[in-house]
Amino acid sequence: MVKQSIKPSAEPEKPLSRDNLMDIASNIIRELRGKGINGRFRDPENERLRDAKTRLLIESIKAYGIILRDSDLIELEQRIGQLEKQQEGRNKL
């Protein structure tokens, strides 16, 4: 699984891109596939905790993807609004 430590920072980090999310999701898929193939179930309690964290990460990726999509829609709406204003200006001439 993707191992990242969360360190408080004075500067906010840049938002993740779609490529970042795809990399994280790809790593999760590869790990889960390997786990399923190799049957790496040692301590059932640790596996349950790891699975719960994986589900949480997957839900976080889904939520982040929705936020990215929404921000793209807002940007598109703004661009369409600008184009409509430009078109209106041309039609008045």
Protein backbone atom coordinates (compact mmCIF):
# COMPACT_ATOMS: atom_id res chain seq x y z
CA MET A 1 0.00 0.00 0.00
CA VAL A 2 1.11 3.57 -0.47
CA LYS A 3 2.96 4.58 2.65
CA GLN A 4 2.92 8.28 3.31
CA SER A 5 3.50 10.07 6.54
CA ILE A 6 1.37 13.07 7.26
CA LYS A 7 3.55 15.92 8.45
CA PRO A 8 2.13 19.26 9.44
CA SER A 9 3.47 21.97 7.22
CA ALA A 10 3.41 25.75 7.33
CA GLU A 11 2.65 25.75 3.61
CA PRO A 12 -0.37 23.93 2.24
CA GLU A 13 0.48 21.22 -0.25
CA LYS A 14 -0.71 21.33 -3.83
CA PRO A 15 -3.91 19.38 -4.50
CA LEU A 16 -3.50 15.91 -5.95
CA SER A 17 -3.97 15.58 -9.68
CA ARG A 18 -5.90 12.87 -11.48
CA ASP A 19 -2.55 11.27 -12.31
CA ASN A 20 -1.63 11.23 -8.60
CA LEU A 21 -4.95 9.58 -7.75
CA MET A 22 -4.50 7.02 -10.53
CA ASP A 23 -1.03 6.17 -9.22
CA ILE A 24 -2.35 5.66 -5.70
CA ALA A 25 -5.32 3.59 -6.90
CA SER A 26 -3.04 1.51 -9.15
CA ASN A 27 -0.75 0.74 -6.23
CA ILE A 28 -3.72 -0.35 -4.12
CA ILE A 29 -5.01 -2.61 -6.89
CA ARG A 30 -1.58 -4.20 -7.37
CA GLU A 31 -1.18 -4.78 -3.65
CA LEU A 32 -4.66 -6.27 -3.24
CA ARG A 33 -4.14 -8.48 -6.29
CA GLY A 34 -0.81 -9.71 -4.92
CA LYS A 35 -2.35 -10.30 -1.53
CA GLY A 36 -5.15 -12.32 -3.10
CA ILE A 37 -2.79 -14.39 -5.22
CA ASN A 38 -0.14 -14.98 -2.56
CA GLY A 39 -2.62 -15.48 0.27
CA ARG A 40 -0.67 -13.29 2.65
CA PHE A 41 -3.02 -13.56 5.63
CA ARG A 42 -0.84 -13.90 8.71
CA ASP A 43 -2.54 -12.22 11.62
CA PRO A 44 -6.31 -11.97 11.05
CA GLU A 45 -6.66 -8.90 13.29
CA ASN A 46 -3.88 -7.04 11.47
CA GLU A 47 -5.44 -7.98 8.14
CA ARG A 48 -8.82 -6.64 9.27
CA LEU A 49 -7.22 -3.35 10.30
CA ARG A 50 -5.27 -3.13 7.04
CA ASP A 51 -8.42 -3.87 5.04
CA ALA A 52 -10.35 -1.20 6.94
CA LYS A 53 -7.62 1.35 6.18
CA THR A 54 -7.62 0.30 2.53
CA ARG A 55 -11.41 0.79 2.35
CA LEU A 56 -11.00 4.21 3.94
CA LEU A 57 -8.32 5.13 1.42
CA ILE A 58 -10.48 3.97 -1.48
CA GLU A 59 -13.43 6.03 -0.20
CA SER A 60 -11.11 9.02 0.13
CA ILE A 61 -9.96 8.59 -3.47
CA LYS A 62 -13.59 8.45 -4.61
CA ALA A 63 -14.44 11.63 -2.71
CA TYR A 64 -11.37 13.41 -4.05
CA GLY A 65 -12.28 12.35 -7.58
CA ILE A 66 -15.74 13.84 -7.14
CA ILE A 67 -14.21 17.09 -5.91
CA LEU A 68 -11.89 17.17 -8.95
CA ARG A 69 -14.82 16.56 -11.28
CA ASP A 70 -16.86 19.30 -9.61
CA SER A 71 -14.00 21.78 -9.89
CA ASP A 72 -13.63 20.89 -13.57
CA LEU A 73 -17.35 21.52 -14.09
CA ILE A 74 -17.10 24.91 -12.39
CA GLU A 75 -14.14 25.81 -14.60
CA LEU A 76 -16.06 24.71 -17.70
CA GLU A 77 -19.09 26.76 -16.65
CA GLN A 78 -16.87 29.81 -16.24
CA ARG A 79 -15.27 29.27 -19.65
CA ILE A 80 -18.67 28.84 -21.29
CA GLY A 81 -19.88 32.03 -19.59
CA GLN A 82 -16.87 33.92 -20.95
CA LEU A 83 -17.43 32.55 -24.44
CA GLU A 84 -21.11 33.51 -24.28
CA LYS A 85 -20.17 37.06 -23.26
CA GLN A 86 -17.68 37.26 -26.14
CA GLN A 87 -20.32 35.97 -28.54
CA GLU A 88 -22.86 38.51 -27.28
CA GLY A 89 -20.32 41.29 -27.79
CA ARG A 90 -19.72 40.15 -31.37
CA ASN A 91 -23.45 39.93 -32.07
CA LYS A 92 -23.93 43.56 -30.97
CA LEU A 93 -21.45 44.77 -33.58
